[in-house]
Amino acid sequence: MVSESRWKYSFSEGRKAEDRFSALMNERGHSCIKSSKSDDIMKHIDFYVNDIPVDVKGNRHLDTIWVELTNVRGNHGWLKGESKYIVFDVVELKSFCFFERESLLKYTISFTELASNKTEYKKLYTRKDRQDVIVKYKYSDIEHLVVQCIKY
């Protein structure tokens, strides 16, 4: 299980990334509307940018970008959500990097080997006492799928 302090940190970092993303989109003249709580939870949509559904993922690093096929409750993870784009806040690049969700999903389901521990890349991993299925990438593994990066 994740400790309460780790959960609070992750939530806080995610909120900061969302706030920074929204401000950046507005500064660039885009309509950026926060999704409803229901759309956030059920459809994995954080914002509608010019009416396009986007899911923002904060605090990602060049050597560690986790993607989620199945969530901790065993339901569809955010790669199987309804967002058009997944946007990673890549800390070292000081950029929001846009990926088409369907392209990232297609790439991810091409990997079928199971990881024996969380240090392995491009393998399906499930955390102890959870139902999630996640895959760890380096940014360089998925860089070919980037649609656009916007510096902040």
C-alpha atoms as a PDB file:
ATOM      1  CA  MET A   1       0.000   0.000   0.000  1.00  0.00           C
ATOM      2  CA  VAL A   2       1.021   3.588  -0.573  1.00  0.00           C
ATOM      3  CA  SER A   3       1.686   5.543   2.597  1.00  0.00           C
ATOM      4  CA  GLU A   4      -0.559   8.492   3.371  1.00  0.00           C
ATOM      5  CA  SER A   5       2.377  10.883   3.034  1.00  0.00           C
ATOM      6  CA  ARG A   6       3.268   9.458  -0.419  1.00  0.00           C
ATOM      7  CA  TRP A   7      -0.372   9.753  -1.540  1.00  0.00           C
ATOM      8  CA  LYS A   8      -0.539  13.375  -0.335  1.00  0.00           C
ATOM      9  CA  TYR A   9       2.708  14.196  -2.145  1.00  0.00           C
ATOM     10  CA  SER A  10       1.529  12.595  -5.395  1.00  0.00           C
ATOM     11  CA  PHE A  11      -1.840  14.327  -5.186  1.00  0.00           C
ATOM     12  CA  SER A  12      -0.180  17.677  -4.502  1.00  0.00           C
ATOM     13  CA  GLU A  13       2.286  17.294  -7.396  1.00  0.00           C
ATOM     14  CA  GLY A  14      -0.538  16.275  -9.719  1.00  0.00           C
ATOM     15  CA  ARG A  15      -2.585  19.303  -8.711  1.00  0.00           C
ATOM     16  CA  LYS A  16       0.396  21.621  -9.285  1.00  0.00           C
ATOM     17  CA  ALA A  17       0.914  20.174 -12.770  1.00  0.00           C
ATOM     18  CA  GLU A  18      -2.780  20.588 -13.583  1.00  0.00           C
ATOM     19  CA  ASP A  19      -2.755  24.198 -12.369  1.00  0.00           C
ATOM     20  CA  ARG A  20       0.402  24.970 -14.381  1.00  0.00           C
ATOM     21  CA  PHE A  21      -1.080  23.283 -17.456  1.00  0.00           C
ATOM     22  CA  SER A  22      -4.359  25.190 -17.219  1.00  0.00           C
ATOM     23  CA  ALA A  23      -2.559  28.520 -16.786  1.00  0.00           C
ATOM     24  CA  LEU A  24      -0.279  27.774 -19.743  1.00  0.00           C
ATOM     25  CA  MET A  25      -3.187  26.840 -22.003  1.00  0.00           C
ATOM     26  CA  ASN A  26      -5.051  30.014 -21.019  1.00  0.00           C
ATOM     27  CA  GLU A  27      -1.918  32.148 -21.589  1.00  0.00           C
ATOM     28  CA  ARG A  28      -1.656  30.666 -25.074  1.00  0.00           C
ATOM     29  CA  GLY A  29      -5.266  31.681 -25.814  1.00  0.00           C
ATOM     30  CA  HIS A  30      -6.855  28.244 -25.553  1.00  0.00           C
ATOM     31  CA  SER A  31     -10.124  27.497 -23.832  1.00  0.00           C
ATOM     32  CA  CYS A  32      -9.182  25.189 -20.939  1.00  0.00           C
ATOM     33  CA  ILE A  33     -12.136  23.951 -18.886  1.00  0.00           C
ATOM     34  CA  LYS A  34     -11.695  21.647 -15.877  1.00  0.00           C
ATOM     35  CA  SER A  35     -13.682  18.439 -16.307  1.00  0.00           C
ATOM     36  CA  SER A  36     -16.436  17.365 -13.939  1.00  0.00           C
ATOM     37  CA  LYS A  37     -15.469  15.046 -11.096  1.00  0.00           C
ATOM     38  CA  SER A  38     -17.368  12.278 -12.884  1.00  0.00           C
ATOM     39  CA  ASP A  39     -15.463  12.787 -16.162  1.00  0.00           C
ATOM     40  CA  ASP A  40     -12.205  12.884 -14.219  1.00  0.00           C
ATOM     41  CA  ILE A  41     -12.895   9.610 -12.399  1.00  0.00           C
ATOM     42  CA  MET A  42     -14.871   7.629 -14.973  1.00  0.00           C
ATOM     43  CA  LYS A  43     -13.476   8.894 -18.287  1.00  0.00           C
ATOM     44  CA  HIS A  44      -9.951   9.884 -17.188  1.00  0.00           C
ATOM     45  CA  ILE A  45     -10.375  13.427 -18.485  1.00  0.00           C
ATOM     46  CA  ASP A  46      -8.853  16.345 -16.550  1.00  0.00           C
ATOM     47  CA  PHE A  47      -9.576  19.184 -18.976  1.00  0.00           C
ATOM     48  CA  TYR A  48     -11.289  20.082 -22.189  1.00  0.00           C
ATOM     49  CA  VAL A  49      -8.829  22.177 -24.210  1.00  0.00           C
ATOM     50  CA  ASN A  50     -10.713  23.764 -27.101  1.00  0.00           C
ATOM     51  CA  ASP A  51     -13.312  21.027 -26.441  1.00  0.00           C
ATOM     52  CA  ILE A  52     -10.685  18.252 -26.793  1.00  0.00           C
ATOM     53  CA  PRO A  53     -10.449  15.888 -23.788  1.00  0.00           C
ATOM     54  CA  VAL A  54      -7.011  15.829 -22.139  1.00  0.00           C
ATOM     55  CA  ASP A  55      -5.593  13.886 -19.182  1.00  0.00           C
ATOM     56  CA  VAL A  56      -2.603  15.558 -17.465  1.00  0.00           C
ATOM     57  CA  LYS A  57       0.003  13.492 -15.620  1.00  0.00           C
ATOM     58  CA  GLY A  58       2.371  15.377 -13.338  1.00  0.00           C
ATOM     59  CA  ASN A  59       5.889  14.800 -12.052  1.00  0.00           C
ATOM     60  CA  ARG A  60       7.213  12.501 -14.794  1.00  0.00           C
ATOM     61  CA  HIS A  61      10.931  12.035 -15.332  1.00  0.00           C
ATOM     62  CA  LEU A  62      13.112  11.131 -18.312  1.00  0.00           C
ATOM     63  CA  ASP A  63      14.029   7.796 -16.731  1.00  0.00           C
ATOM     64  CA  THR A  64      10.613   6.960 -15.228  1.00  0.00           C
ATOM     65  CA  ILE A  65       7.260   7.355 -16.916  1.00  0.00           C
ATOM     66  CA  TRP A  66       4.618   4.918 -15.695  1.00  0.00           C
ATOM     67  CA  VAL A  67       1.500   4.276 -17.776  1.00  0.00           C
ATOM     68  CA  GLU A  68      -1.656   2.572 -16.519  1.00  0.00           C
ATOM     69  CA  LEU A  69      -3.565  -0.118 -18.408  1.00  0.00           C
ATOM     70  CA  THR A  70      -5.618  -1.288 -15.408  1.00  0.00           C
ATOM     71  CA  ASN A  71      -6.160   0.734 -12.243  1.00  0.00           C
ATOM     72  CA  VAL A  72      -5.761  -0.410  -8.636  1.00  0.00           C
ATOM     73  CA  ARG A  73      -9.427  -1.476  -8.475  1.00  0.00           C
ATOM     74  CA  GLY A  74      -9.082  -3.645 -11.592  1.00  0.00           C
ATOM     75  CA  ASN A  75     -10.978  -1.216 -13.842  1.00  0.00           C
ATOM     76  CA  HIS A  76      -9.759   0.382 -17.062  1.00  0.00           C
ATOM     77  CA  GLY A  77      -6.739   2.548 -16.391  1.00  0.00           C
ATOM     78  CA  TRP A  78      -6.231   5.963 -17.917  1.00  0.00           C
ATOM     79  CA  LEU A  79      -4.667   4.555 -21.099  1.00  0.00           C
ATOM     80  CA  LYS A  80      -8.101   3.050 -21.794  1.00  0.00           C
ATOM     81  CA  GLY A  81      -9.958   6.247 -20.877  1.00  0.00           C
ATOM     82  CA  GLU A  82     -11.685   8.730 -23.163  1.00  0.00           C
ATOM     83  CA  SER A  83      -9.043  11.447 -23.416  1.00  0.00           C
ATOM     84  CA  LYS A  84      -7.756  12.331 -26.864  1.00  0.00           C
ATOM     85  CA  TYR A  85      -4.379  13.261 -25.379  1.00  0.00           C
ATOM     86  CA  ILE A  86      -2.287  12.199 -22.425  1.00  0.00           C
ATOM     87  CA  VAL A  87      -0.032  15.083 -21.380  1.00  0.00           C
ATOM     88  CA  PHE A  88       3.034  14.338 -19.291  1.00  0.00           C
ATOM     89  CA  ASP A  89       4.696  17.076 -17.266  1.00  0.00           C
ATOM     90  CA  VAL A  90       8.317  15.999 -17.850  1.00  0.00           C
ATOM     91  CA  VAL A  91      10.301  17.679 -15.083  1.00  0.00           C
ATOM     92  CA  GLU A  92      13.756  17.676 -16.699  1.00  0.00           C
ATOM     93  CA  LEU A  93      12.375  19.091 -19.960  1.00  0.00           C
ATOM     94  CA  LYS A  94      10.265  21.711 -18.135  1.00  0.00           C
ATOM     95  CA  SER A  95       7.645  20.840 -20.719  1.00  0.00           C
ATOM     96  CA  PHE A  96       4.206  19.389 -21.163  1.00  0.00           C
ATOM     97  CA  CYS A  97       4.551  16.597 -23.716  1.00  0.00           C
ATOM     98  CA  PHE A  98       1.405  15.569 -25.596  1.00  0.00           C
ATOM     99  CA  PHE A  99       0.774  11.983 -26.684  1.00  0.00           C
ATOM    100  CA  GLU A 100      -2.275  10.664 -28.509  1.00  0.00           C
ATOM    101  CA  ARG A 101      -3.774   8.302 -25.958  1.00  0.00           C
ATOM    102  CA  GLU A 102      -4.655   5.669 -28.567  1.00  0.00           C
ATOM    103  CA  SER A 103      -1.106   5.617 -29.993  1.00  0.00           C
ATOM    104  CA  LEU A 104       0.370   5.236 -26.524  1.00  0.00           C
ATOM    105  CA  LEU A 105      -2.137   2.470 -25.737  1.00  0.00           C
ATOM    106  CA  LYS A 106      -1.378   0.625 -28.982  1.00  0.00           C
ATOM    107  CA  TYR A 107       2.348   0.828 -28.283  1.00  0.00           C
ATOM    108  CA  THR A 108       1.906  -0.311 -24.676  1.00  0.00           C
ATOM    109  CA  ILE A 109      -0.242  -3.361 -25.437  1.00  0.00           C
ATOM    110  CA  SER A 110       2.502  -4.622 -27.745  1.00  0.00           C
ATOM    111  CA  PHE A 111       4.442  -5.553 -24.600  1.00  0.00           C
ATOM    112  CA  THR A 112       3.285  -8.807 -23.039  1.00  0.00           C
ATOM    113  CA  GLU A 113       6.201  -9.916 -20.872  1.00  0.00           C
ATOM    114  CA  LEU A 114       5.604  -9.743 -17.116  1.00  0.00           C
ATOM    115  CA  ALA A 115       8.017  -7.796 -14.937  1.00  0.00           C
ATOM    116  CA  SER A 116       9.428  -9.512 -11.867  1.00  0.00           C
ATOM    117  CA  ASN A 117      10.039  -6.180 -10.127  1.00  0.00           C
ATOM    118  CA  LYS A 118       9.431  -2.453 -10.557  1.00  0.00           C
ATOM    119  CA  THR A 119      12.891  -1.736 -11.958  1.00  0.00           C
ATOM    120  CA  GLU A 120      12.155  -3.370 -15.324  1.00  0.00           C
ATOM    121  CA  TYR A 121      11.148  -1.341 -18.372  1.00  0.00           C
ATOM    122  CA  LYS A 122       8.593  -2.142 -21.082  1.00  0.00           C
ATOM    123  CA  LYS A 123       7.081  -5.027 -19.118  1.00  0.00           C
ATOM    124  CA  LEU A 124       3.689  -5.457 -17.454  1.00  0.00           C
ATOM    125  CA  TYR A 125       3.920  -4.894 -13.713  1.00  0.00           C
ATOM    126  CA  THR A 126       1.383  -5.347 -10.921  1.00  0.00           C
ATOM    127  CA  ARG A 127       2.058  -3.972  -7.458  1.00  0.00           C
ATOM    128  CA  LYS A 128       1.664  -6.201  -4.418  1.00  0.00           C
ATOM    129  CA  ASP A 129      -1.900  -6.337  -3.069  1.00  0.00           C
ATOM    130  CA  ARG A 130      -3.206  -4.318  -6.043  1.00  0.00           C
ATOM    131  CA  GLN A 131      -5.068  -5.125  -9.225  1.00  0.00           C
ATOM    132  CA  ASP A 132      -3.260  -2.591 -11.399  1.00  0.00           C
ATOM    133  CA  VAL A 133      -1.321  -3.333 -14.563  1.00  0.00           C
ATOM    134  CA  ILE A 134       1.258  -0.655 -15.294  1.00  0.00           C
ATOM    135  CA  VAL A 135       4.270  -0.315 -17.580  1.00  0.00           C
ATOM    136  CA  LYS A 136       7.424   1.672 -16.916  1.00  0.00           C
ATOM    137  CA  TYR A 137       9.113   3.574 -19.719  1.00  0.00           C
ATOM    138  CA  LYS A 138      12.033   5.858 -20.205  1.00  0.00           C
ATOM    139  CA  TYR A 139      11.046   9.001 -22.096  1.00  0.00           C
ATOM    140  CA  SER A 140      13.316   7.863 -24.929  1.00  0.00           C
ATOM    141  CA  ASP A 141      11.178   4.686 -25.288  1.00  0.00           C
ATOM    142  CA  ILE A 142       8.090   6.717 -26.179  1.00  0.00           C
ATOM    143  CA  GLU A 143       9.599   9.912 -27.569  1.00  0.00           C
ATOM    144  CA  HIS A 144       8.730   8.800 -31.109  1.00  0.00           C
ATOM    145  CA  LEU A 145       5.038   9.093 -30.129  1.00  0.00           C
ATOM    146  CA  VAL A 146       5.236  12.728 -28.992  1.00  0.00           C
ATOM    147  CA  VAL A 147       2.803  14.991 -30.830  1.00  0.00           C
ATOM    148  CA  GLN A 148       4.036  18.242 -29.274  1.00  0.00           C
ATOM    149  CA  CYS A 149       5.994  19.533 -26.273  1.00  0.00           C
ATOM    150  CA  ILE A 150       5.266  22.952 -24.798  1.00  0.00           C
ATOM    151  CA  LYS A 151       7.865  24.500 -22.490  1.00  0.00           C
ATOM    152  CA  TYR A 152       6.758  26.332 -19.358  1.00  0.00           C
END
